[in-house]
Amino acid sequence: MRSWFDRLLSLQFTWRDLVDVLVVAVIIYSILALIRGTRAMQITIGLMVLGSSFFVARAFDLPALEAISRETLFYLPFAVIVLFQHEIRRGLARMGSNPVIAWFHQRRDALDIAAIVSACEILSSKRIGALIVVEGAQTLRAFEEGAKVVDAVMSTELLVSIFVPGGPLHDGAVIVRSNRIVAAGAFLPLATTPVPRLAHGTRHRAAIGATEESDATVVVVSEENGSIGLAREGRLIEQLDRDALTHALQNRFGDFR
């Protein structure tokens, strides 16, 4: 006991050690914040229990469990990559949206929130389905592949005309960047996480799926009941009225440039 105490007193803690501890703490906090409230958190707990079994086996001298755990630990990094591929992709993408890096990006035009809200009201009243994807700090150019190039200033009339049934772009999504409709008829990835309470079809799953792989905000109008929803970070908020939708978009893009 005395030797451990003397060894503790002999440690020299410098400012480099402080920086080292802070960096590690920030990384761990960022990872936990990224997977908080998702299925990945449950998987993480399971992997931690599985990994700790090796040290438990060594402490209690359990050779069979130790051998199995040792083999498991060898394949654990590969399992992490496969199980957390969406979270890893999202985390790496968020590094590019860091405020320090974003300072070098070109400033954008303010988003015309009123045009989106008015278009959704019109579409909702006529029960016309719609998907409006508003780009955040991360690019959505991967979603534009196979879509029709529009490159026009966004307006209520243009949004409504795109989603009119029978048109060539009705079934796809509209991608908005810097207050311009850059593409229409885009197909989005479907949600990978189970949504047991979701009583809607492919359009709502696509809205959630797009926000699982990017920091985009997706406004979705149901053609079944005309309800308006908003997807963000893999979560869907439904039954929004004009004020609620306006407030949600202003919170996200009110000061976005």
C-alpha atoms as a PDB file:
ATOM      1  CA  MET A   1       0.000   0.000   0.000  1.00  0.00           C
ATOM      2  CA  ARG A   2       2.875   2.291   0.864  1.00  0.00           C
ATOM      3  CA  SER A   3       4.569   1.669  -2.494  1.00  0.00           C
ATOM      4  CA  TRP A   4       1.413   2.556  -4.398  1.00  0.00           C
ATOM      5  CA  PHE A   5       1.069   5.773  -2.425  1.00  0.00           C
ATOM      6  CA  ASP A   6       4.695   6.720  -3.053  1.00  0.00           C
ATOM      7  CA  ARG A   7       4.318   5.943  -6.733  1.00  0.00           C
ATOM      8  CA  LEU A   8       1.238   8.166  -6.887  1.00  0.00           C
ATOM      9  CA  LEU A   9       3.108  11.055  -5.287  1.00  0.00           C
ATOM     10  CA  SER A  10       5.990  10.625  -7.720  1.00  0.00           C
ATOM     11  CA  LEU A  11       3.758  11.242 -10.733  1.00  0.00           C
ATOM     12  CA  GLN A  12       4.367  14.554 -12.475  1.00  0.00           C
ATOM     13  CA  PHE A  13       1.212  16.054 -13.977  1.00  0.00           C
ATOM     14  CA  THR A  14       2.030  18.668 -16.629  1.00  0.00           C
ATOM     15  CA  TRP A  15      -0.118  20.828 -18.894  1.00  0.00           C
ATOM     16  CA  ARG A  16       0.400  18.281 -21.683  1.00  0.00           C
ATOM     17  CA  ASP A  17      -1.216  15.621 -19.521  1.00  0.00           C
ATOM     18  CA  LEU A  18      -4.139  17.963 -18.905  1.00  0.00           C
ATOM     19  CA  VAL A  19      -4.590  18.540 -22.634  1.00  0.00           C
ATOM     20  CA  ASP A  20      -4.338  14.803 -23.237  1.00  0.00           C
ATOM     21  CA  VAL A  21      -7.075  14.051 -20.686  1.00  0.00           C
ATOM     22  CA  LEU A  22      -9.342  16.809 -22.031  1.00  0.00           C
ATOM     23  CA  VAL A  23      -9.006  15.590 -25.632  1.00  0.00           C
ATOM     24  CA  VAL A  24      -9.853  12.023 -24.637  1.00  0.00           C
ATOM     25  CA  ALA A  25     -12.804  13.268 -22.559  1.00  0.00           C
ATOM     26  CA  VAL A  26     -14.150  15.310 -25.495  1.00  0.00           C
ATOM     27  CA  ILE A  27     -13.845  12.328 -27.846  1.00  0.00           C
ATOM     28  CA  ILE A  28     -15.673  10.013 -25.438  1.00  0.00           C
ATOM     29  CA  TYR A  29     -18.376  12.629 -24.819  1.00  0.00           C
ATOM     30  CA  SER A  30     -18.842  13.187 -28.562  1.00  0.00           C
ATOM     31  CA  ILE A  31     -19.228   9.456 -29.187  1.00  0.00           C
ATOM     32  CA  LEU A  32     -21.772   9.088 -26.375  1.00  0.00           C
ATOM     33  CA  ALA A  33     -23.697  12.154 -27.590  1.00  0.00           C
ATOM     34  CA  LEU A  34     -23.758  10.725 -31.124  1.00  0.00           C
ATOM     35  CA  ILE A  35     -25.296   7.389 -30.083  1.00  0.00           C
ATOM     36  CA  ARG A  36     -27.439   8.640 -27.191  1.00  0.00           C
ATOM     37  CA  GLY A  37     -31.042   7.499 -27.419  1.00  0.00           C
ATOM     38  CA  THR A  38     -30.372   5.194 -30.376  1.00  0.00           C
ATOM     39  CA  ARG A  39     -30.106   1.448 -30.781  1.00  0.00           C
ATOM     40  CA  ALA A  40     -26.345   1.921 -30.971  1.00  0.00           C
ATOM     41  CA  MET A  41     -26.282   2.698 -27.245  1.00  0.00           C
ATOM     42  CA  GLN A  42     -27.708  -0.721 -26.431  1.00  0.00           C
ATOM     43  CA  ILE A  43     -25.231  -2.363 -28.790  1.00  0.00           C
ATOM     44  CA  THR A  44     -22.387  -0.451 -27.123  1.00  0.00           C
ATOM     45  CA  ILE A  45     -23.386  -1.726 -23.679  1.00  0.00           C
ATOM     46  CA  GLY A  46     -23.507  -5.272 -25.029  1.00  0.00           C
ATOM     47  CA  LEU A  47     -20.053  -4.938 -26.607  1.00  0.00           C
ATOM     48  CA  MET A  48     -18.629  -3.548 -23.359  1.00  0.00           C
ATOM     49  CA  VAL A  49     -20.023  -6.511 -21.409  1.00  0.00           C
ATOM     50  CA  LEU A  50     -18.638  -8.899 -24.010  1.00  0.00           C
ATOM     51  CA  GLY A  51     -15.214  -7.255 -23.954  1.00  0.00           C
ATOM     52  CA  SER A  52     -15.013  -7.162 -20.160  1.00  0.00           C
ATOM     53  CA  SER A  53     -15.587 -10.922 -19.987  1.00  0.00           C
ATOM     54  CA  PHE A  54     -11.943 -11.470 -20.941  1.00  0.00           C
ATOM     55  CA  PHE A  55     -10.634  -9.546 -17.950  1.00  0.00           C
ATOM     56  CA  VAL A  56     -13.164 -11.223 -15.645  1.00  0.00           C
ATOM     57  CA  ALA A  57     -11.999 -14.628 -16.894  1.00  0.00           C
ATOM     58  CA  ARG A  58      -8.370 -13.764 -16.223  1.00  0.00           C
ATOM     59  CA  ALA A  59      -9.123 -12.392 -12.764  1.00  0.00           C
ATOM     60  CA  PHE A  60     -10.998 -15.534 -11.682  1.00  0.00           C
ATOM     61  CA  ASP A  61      -8.782 -17.971 -13.618  1.00  0.00           C
ATOM     62  CA  LEU A  62     -11.433 -19.319 -16.004  1.00  0.00           C
ATOM     63  CA  PRO A  63      -9.389 -20.741 -18.910  1.00  0.00           C
ATOM     64  CA  ALA A  64     -12.300 -21.750 -21.154  1.00  0.00           C
ATOM     65  CA  LEU A  65     -14.019 -18.363 -20.907  1.00  0.00           C
ATOM     66  CA  GLU A  66     -10.668 -16.610 -21.326  1.00  0.00           C
ATOM     67  CA  ALA A  67      -9.928 -18.494 -24.548  1.00  0.00           C
ATOM     68  CA  ILE A  68     -13.342 -17.719 -26.008  1.00  0.00           C
ATOM     69  CA  SER A  69     -13.135 -14.076 -24.932  1.00  0.00           C
ATOM     70  CA  ARG A  70      -9.660 -13.713 -26.448  1.00  0.00           C
ATOM     71  CA  GLU A  71     -10.949 -14.861 -29.836  1.00  0.00           C
ATOM     72  CA  THR A  72     -13.955 -12.585 -29.498  1.00  0.00           C
ATOM     73  CA  LEU A  73     -11.769  -9.555 -28.763  1.00  0.00           C
ATOM     74  CA  PHE A  74      -9.821 -10.215 -31.969  1.00  0.00           C
ATOM     75  CA  TYR A  75     -12.953  -9.828 -34.109  1.00  0.00           C
ATOM     76  CA  LEU A  76     -14.499  -7.075 -31.979  1.00  0.00           C
ATOM     77  CA  PRO A  77     -13.058  -4.139 -34.016  1.00  0.00           C
ATOM     78  CA  PHE A  78     -14.549  -5.583 -37.219  1.00  0.00           C
ATOM     79  CA  ALA A  79     -17.914  -6.000 -35.489  1.00  0.00           C
ATOM     80  CA  VAL A  80     -17.789  -2.364 -34.351  1.00  0.00           C
ATOM     81  CA  ILE A  81     -17.190  -1.163 -37.921  1.00  0.00           C
ATOM     82  CA  VAL A  82     -20.095  -3.207 -39.273  1.00  0.00           C
ATOM     83  CA  LEU A  83     -22.561  -2.425 -36.480  1.00  0.00           C
ATOM     84  CA  PHE A  84     -21.747   1.272 -36.267  1.00  0.00           C
ATOM     85  CA  GLN A  85     -21.194   2.100 -39.928  1.00  0.00           C
ATOM     86  CA  HIS A  86     -23.985   4.698 -39.996  1.00  0.00           C
ATOM     87  CA  GLU A  87     -22.822   6.343 -36.765  1.00  0.00           C
ATOM     88  CA  ILE A  88     -19.202   6.376 -37.985  1.00  0.00           C
ATOM     89  CA  ARG A  89     -20.277   7.931 -41.300  1.00  0.00           C
ATOM     90  CA  ARG A  90     -22.361  10.543 -39.496  1.00  0.00           C
ATOM     91  CA  GLY A  91     -19.561  11.334 -37.040  1.00  0.00           C
ATOM     92  CA  LEU A  92     -16.976  11.807 -39.782  1.00  0.00           C
ATOM     93  CA  ALA A  93     -19.397  14.013 -41.690  1.00  0.00           C
ATOM     94  CA  ARG A  94     -19.978  16.150 -38.599  1.00  0.00           C
ATOM     95  CA  MET A  95     -16.249  16.781 -38.374  1.00  0.00           C
ATOM     96  CA  GLY A  96     -16.587  18.656 -41.649  1.00  0.00           C
ATOM     97  CA  SER A  97     -19.397  20.755 -40.188  1.00  0.00           C
ATOM     98  CA  ASN A  98     -17.290  21.885 -37.245  1.00  0.00           C
ATOM     99  CA  PRO A  99     -17.690  25.669 -36.742  1.00  0.00           C
ATOM    100  CA  VAL A 100     -13.940  26.201 -37.209  1.00  0.00           C
ATOM    101  CA  ILE A 101     -14.000  24.402 -40.570  1.00  0.00           C
ATOM    102  CA  ALA A 102     -17.364  25.846 -41.569  1.00  0.00           C
ATOM    103  CA  TRP A 103     -15.913  29.360 -41.181  1.00  0.00           C
ATOM    104  CA  PHE A 104     -14.041  28.806 -44.450  1.00  0.00           C
ATOM    105  CA  HIS A 105     -17.180  27.775 -46.333  1.00  0.00           C
ATOM    106  CA  GLN A 106     -18.980  30.163 -48.615  1.00  0.00           C
ATOM    107  CA  ARG A 107     -21.911  31.987 -47.023  1.00  0.00           C
ATOM    108  CA  ARG A 108     -25.361  30.902 -48.125  1.00  0.00           C
ATOM    109  CA  ASP A 109     -28.559  32.726 -48.871  1.00  0.00           C
ATOM    110  CA  ALA A 110     -31.182  32.683 -46.134  1.00  0.00           C
ATOM    111  CA  LEU A 111     -33.758  29.927 -46.469  1.00  0.00           C
ATOM    112  CA  ASP A 112     -37.240  31.070 -47.470  1.00  0.00           C
ATOM    113  CA  ILE A 113     -39.074  29.267 -44.678  1.00  0.00           C
ATOM    114  CA  ALA A 114     -42.420  30.869 -45.555  1.00  0.00           C
ATOM    115  CA  ALA A 115     -42.305  29.337 -49.042  1.00  0.00           C
ATOM    116  CA  ILE A 116     -41.858  25.833 -47.627  1.00  0.00           C
ATOM    117  CA  VAL A 117     -44.590  26.282 -45.018  1.00  0.00           C
ATOM    118  CA  SER A 118     -47.079  27.703 -47.537  1.00  0.00           C
ATOM    119  CA  ALA A 119     -46.353  24.925 -50.024  1.00  0.00           C
ATOM    120  CA  CYS A 120     -46.834  22.268 -47.341  1.00  0.00           C
ATOM    121  CA  GLU A 121     -50.157  23.809 -46.332  1.00  0.00           C
ATOM    122  CA  ILE A 122     -51.425  23.709 -49.910  1.00  0.00           C
ATOM    123  CA  LEU A 123     -50.200  20.156 -50.460  1.00  0.00           C
ATOM    124  CA  SER A 124     -51.623  19.041 -47.119  1.00  0.00           C
ATOM    125  CA  SER A 125     -55.075  20.478 -47.868  1.00  0.00           C
ATOM    126  CA  LYS A 126     -55.156  18.525 -51.141  1.00  0.00           C
ATOM    127  CA  ARG A 127     -53.554  15.412 -49.606  1.00  0.00           C
ATOM    128  CA  ILE A 128     -50.657  15.451 -52.037  1.00  0.00           C
ATOM    129  CA  GLY A 129     -47.553  13.646 -50.804  1.00  0.00           C
ATOM    130  CA  ALA A 130     -44.269  15.546 -50.710  1.00  0.00           C
ATOM    131  CA  LEU A 131     -40.652  15.234 -49.562  1.00  0.00           C
ATOM    132  CA  ILE A 132     -38.620  18.418 -49.152  1.00  0.00           C
ATOM    133  CA  VAL A 133     -35.000  17.874 -48.111  1.00  0.00           C
ATOM    134  CA  VAL A 134     -33.205  20.986 -46.860  1.00  0.00           C
ATOM    135  CA  GLU A 135     -29.442  20.633 -46.872  1.00  0.00           C
ATOM    136  CA  GLY A 136     -27.531  21.453 -43.708  1.00  0.00           C
ATOM    137  CA  ALA A 137     -23.775  21.792 -43.339  1.00  0.00           C
ATOM    138  CA  GLN A 138     -23.182  18.395 -44.958  1.00  0.00           C
ATOM    139  CA  THR A 139     -23.540  18.072 -48.703  1.00  0.00           C
ATOM    140  CA  LEU A 140     -26.355  16.033 -50.224  1.00  0.00           C
ATOM    141  CA  ARG A 141     -24.754  15.553 -53.619  1.00  0.00           C
ATOM    142  CA  ALA A 142     -24.871  11.769 -53.169  1.00  0.00           C
ATOM    143  CA  PHE A 143     -28.677  12.002 -53.045  1.00  0.00           C
ATOM    144  CA  GLU A 144     -28.720  14.030 -56.263  1.00  0.00           C
ATOM    145  CA  GLU A 145     -27.413  11.133 -58.339  1.00  0.00           C
ATOM    146  CA  GLY A 146     -30.155  10.010 -60.691  1.00  0.00           C
ATOM    147  CA  ALA A 147     -32.333  13.040 -59.876  1.00  0.00           C
ATOM    148  CA  LYS A 148     -33.396  15.745 -62.313  1.00  0.00           C
ATOM    149  CA  VAL A 149     -31.438  18.977 -62.141  1.00  0.00           C
ATOM    150  CA  VAL A 150     -33.649  22.005 -61.449  1.00  0.00           C
ATOM    151  CA  ASP A 151     -31.359  24.763 -60.117  1.00  0.00           C
ATOM    152  CA  ALA A 152     -34.070  27.370 -59.576  1.00  0.00           C
ATOM    153  CA  VAL A 153     -34.910  29.793 -56.788  1.00  0.00           C
ATOM    154  CA  MET A 154     -37.314  28.123 -54.382  1.00  0.00           C
ATOM    155  CA  SER A 155     -40.885  29.362 -54.291  1.00  0.00           C
ATOM    156  CA  THR A 156     -44.242  28.095 -53.092  1.00  0.00           C
ATOM    157  CA  GLU A 157     -45.579  27.774 -56.629  1.00  0.00           C
ATOM    158  CA  LEU A 158     -42.567  25.796 -57.832  1.00  0.00           C
ATOM    159  CA  LEU A 159     -42.712  23.385 -54.907  1.00  0.00           C
ATOM    160  CA  VAL A 160     -46.425  22.734 -55.408  1.00  0.00           C
ATOM    161  CA  SER A 161     -46.059  22.236 -59.149  1.00  0.00           C
ATOM    162  CA  ILE A 162     -43.302  19.658 -58.665  1.00  0.00           C
ATOM    163  CA  PHE A 163     -45.438  17.445 -56.429  1.00  0.00           C
ATOM    164  CA  VAL A 164     -48.674  17.627 -58.444  1.00  0.00           C
ATOM    165  CA  PRO A 165     -49.775  14.019 -59.128  1.00  0.00           C
ATOM    166  CA  GLY A 166     -49.110  12.828 -62.634  1.00  0.00           C
ATOM    167  CA  GLY A 167     -45.962  14.904 -63.031  1.00  0.00           C
ATOM    168  CA  PRO A 168     -42.608  13.266 -63.794  1.00  0.00           C
ATOM    169  CA  LEU A 169     -41.093  14.392 -60.461  1.00  0.00           C
ATOM    170  CA  HIS A 170     -44.013  13.687 -58.155  1.00  0.00           C
ATOM    171  CA  ASP A 171     -42.711  10.489 -56.545  1.00  0.00           C
ATOM    172  CA  GLY A 172     -39.236  11.714 -55.640  1.00  0.00           C
ATOM    173  CA  ALA A 173     -37.839  14.211 -53.183  1.00  0.00           C
ATOM    174  CA  VAL A 174     -36.864  17.839 -53.695  1.00  0.00           C
ATOM    175  CA  ILE A 175     -33.401  18.856 -52.528  1.00  0.00           C
ATOM    176  CA  VAL A 176     -32.984  22.463 -51.379  1.00  0.00           C
ATOM    177  CA  ARG A 177     -29.583  24.076 -51.046  1.00  0.00           C
ATOM    178  CA  SER A 178     -28.997  27.729 -50.245  1.00  0.00           C
ATOM    179  CA  ASN A 179     -32.659  28.596 -50.956  1.00  0.00           C
ATOM    180  CA  ARG A 180     -32.477  26.981 -54.390  1.00  0.00           C
ATOM    181  CA  ILE A 181     -34.119  23.783 -55.560  1.00  0.00           C
ATOM    182  CA  VAL A 182     -31.088  22.034 -56.982  1.00  0.00           C
ATOM    183  CA  ALA A 183     -32.748  18.718 -57.822  1.00  0.00           C
ATOM    184  CA  ALA A 184     -36.123  16.988 -57.885  1.00  0.00           C
ATOM    185  CA  GLY A 185     -37.222  13.391 -58.224  1.00  0.00           C
ATOM    186  CA  ALA A 186     -34.425  12.275 -55.919  1.00  0.00           C
ATOM    187  CA  PHE A 187     -34.596   8.911 -54.181  1.00  0.00           C
ATOM    188  CA  LEU A 188     -33.548   8.805 -50.542  1.00  0.00           C
ATOM    189  CA  PRO A 189     -32.209   5.913 -48.460  1.00  0.00           C
ATOM    190  CA  LEU A 190     -34.823   4.225 -46.292  1.00  0.00           C
ATOM    191  CA  ALA A 191     -34.591   4.180 -42.502  1.00  0.00           C
ATOM    192  CA  THR A 192     -32.392   1.379 -41.184  1.00  0.00           C
ATOM    193  CA  THR A 193     -33.673   1.495 -37.613  1.00  0.00           C
ATOM    194  CA  PRO A 194     -37.053  -0.081 -36.856  1.00  0.00           C
ATOM    195  CA  VAL A 195     -39.885   2.382 -36.343  1.00  0.00           C
ATOM    196  CA  PRO A 196     -42.664   0.313 -34.732  1.00  0.00           C
ATOM    197  CA  ARG A 197     -45.009   3.233 -34.166  1.00  0.00           C
ATOM    198  CA  LEU A 198     -44.767   4.550 -37.695  1.00  0.00           C
ATOM    199  CA  ALA A 199     -48.066   3.966 -39.459  1.00  0.00           C
ATOM    200  CA  HIS A 200     -46.899   5.412 -42.786  1.00  0.00           C
ATOM    201  CA  GLY A 201     -45.146   4.070 -45.834  1.00  0.00           C
ATOM    202  CA  THR A 202     -42.006   4.555 -47.859  1.00  0.00           C
ATOM    203  CA  ARG A 203     -42.140   8.352 -47.960  1.00  0.00           C
ATOM    204  CA  HIS A 204     -41.800   8.693 -44.180  1.00  0.00           C
ATOM    205  CA  ARG A 205     -39.156   5.962 -43.984  1.00  0.00           C
ATOM    206  CA  ALA A 206     -37.173   7.841 -46.631  1.00  0.00           C
ATOM    207  CA  ALA A 207     -37.472  11.070 -44.632  1.00  0.00           C
ATOM    208  CA  ILE A 208     -36.010   9.368 -41.578  1.00  0.00           C
ATOM    209  CA  GLY A 209     -33.372   7.534 -43.619  1.00  0.00           C
ATOM    210  CA  ALA A 210     -32.019  10.744 -45.149  1.00  0.00           C
ATOM    211  CA  THR A 211     -31.578  12.299 -41.705  1.00  0.00           C
ATOM    212  CA  GLU A 212     -29.833   9.179 -40.407  1.00  0.00           C
ATOM    213  CA  GLU A 213     -27.052   9.636 -42.960  1.00  0.00           C
ATOM    214  CA  SER A 214     -26.797  13.441 -42.953  1.00  0.00           C
ATOM    215  CA  ASP A 215     -27.627  16.560 -40.964  1.00  0.00           C
ATOM    216  CA  ALA A 216     -30.389  17.480 -43.406  1.00  0.00           C
ATOM    217  CA  THR A 217     -33.891  18.440 -42.316  1.00  0.00           C
ATOM    218  CA  VAL A 218     -36.721  16.759 -44.211  1.00  0.00           C
ATOM    219  CA  VAL A 219     -40.301  18.008 -44.364  1.00  0.00           C
ATOM    220  CA  VAL A 220     -42.770  15.287 -45.356  1.00  0.00           C
ATOM    221  CA  VAL A 221     -46.435  15.566 -46.292  1.00  0.00           C
ATOM    222  CA  SER A 222     -48.575  12.428 -46.114  1.00  0.00           C
ATOM    223  CA  GLU A 223     -50.847  11.685 -49.032  1.00  0.00           C
ATOM    224  CA  GLU A 224     -52.950   9.351 -46.843  1.00  0.00           C
ATOM    225  CA  ASN A 225     -54.165  11.931 -44.325  1.00  0.00           C
ATOM    226  CA  GLY A 226     -52.427  15.182 -45.317  1.00  0.00           C
ATOM    227  CA  SER A 227     -50.428  15.390 -42.087  1.00  0.00           C
ATOM    228  CA  ILE A 228     -47.169  17.344 -42.058  1.00  0.00           C
ATOM    229  CA  GLY A 229     -44.067  15.956 -40.385  1.00  0.00           C
ATOM    230  CA  LEU A 230     -40.460  16.957 -39.933  1.00  0.00           C
ATOM    231  CA  ALA A 231     -37.519  14.560 -39.698  1.00  0.00           C
ATOM    232  CA  ARG A 232     -34.246  15.473 -38.046  1.00  0.00           C
ATOM    233  CA  GLU A 233     -31.361  13.279 -36.831  1.00  0.00           C
ATOM    234  CA  GLY A 234     -33.294  10.087 -37.442  1.00  0.00           C
ATOM    235  CA  ARG A 235     -36.415  11.232 -35.573  1.00  0.00           C
ATOM    236  CA  LEU A 236     -39.795  12.171 -36.979  1.00  0.00           C
ATOM    237  CA  ILE A 237     -42.141  14.769 -35.500  1.00  0.00           C
ATOM    238  CA  GLU A 238     -45.670  14.466 -36.875  1.00  0.00           C
ATOM    239  CA  GLN A 239     -48.939  16.382 -36.939  1.00  0.00           C
ATOM    240  CA  LEU A 240     -47.336  19.825 -37.303  1.00  0.00           C
ATOM    241  CA  ASP A 241     -49.468  22.868 -38.027  1.00  0.00           C
ATOM    242  CA  ARG A 242     -48.270  26.068 -39.707  1.00  0.00           C
ATOM    243  CA  ASP A 243     -46.894  27.632 -36.526  1.00  0.00           C
ATOM    244  CA  ALA A 244     -45.176  24.468 -35.323  1.00  0.00           C
ATOM    245  CA  LEU A 245     -43.521  23.849 -38.698  1.00  0.00           C
ATOM    246  CA  THR A 246     -42.408  27.469 -38.955  1.00  0.00           C
ATOM    247  CA  HIS A 247     -40.961  27.362 -35.446  1.00  0.00           C
ATOM    248  CA  ALA A 248     -39.094  24.104 -36.116  1.00  0.00           C
ATOM    249  CA  LEU A 249     -37.561  25.423 -39.350  1.00  0.00           C
ATOM    250  CA  GLN A 250     -36.644  28.757 -37.772  1.00  0.00           C
ATOM    251  CA  ASN A 251     -34.849  26.973 -34.944  1.00  0.00           C
ATOM    252  CA  ARG A 252     -32.787  25.080 -37.490  1.00  0.00           C
ATOM    253  CA  PHE A 253     -32.325  27.586 -40.321  1.00  0.00           C
ATOM    254  CA  GLY A 254     -33.319  30.967 -38.894  1.00  0.00           C
ATOM    255  CA  ASP A 255     -29.707  32.083 -38.622  1.00  0.00           C
ATOM    256  CA  PHE A 256     -28.296  29.627 -41.176  1.00  0.00           C
ATOM    257  CA  ARG A 257     -26.088  31.250 -43.787  1.00  0.00           C
END
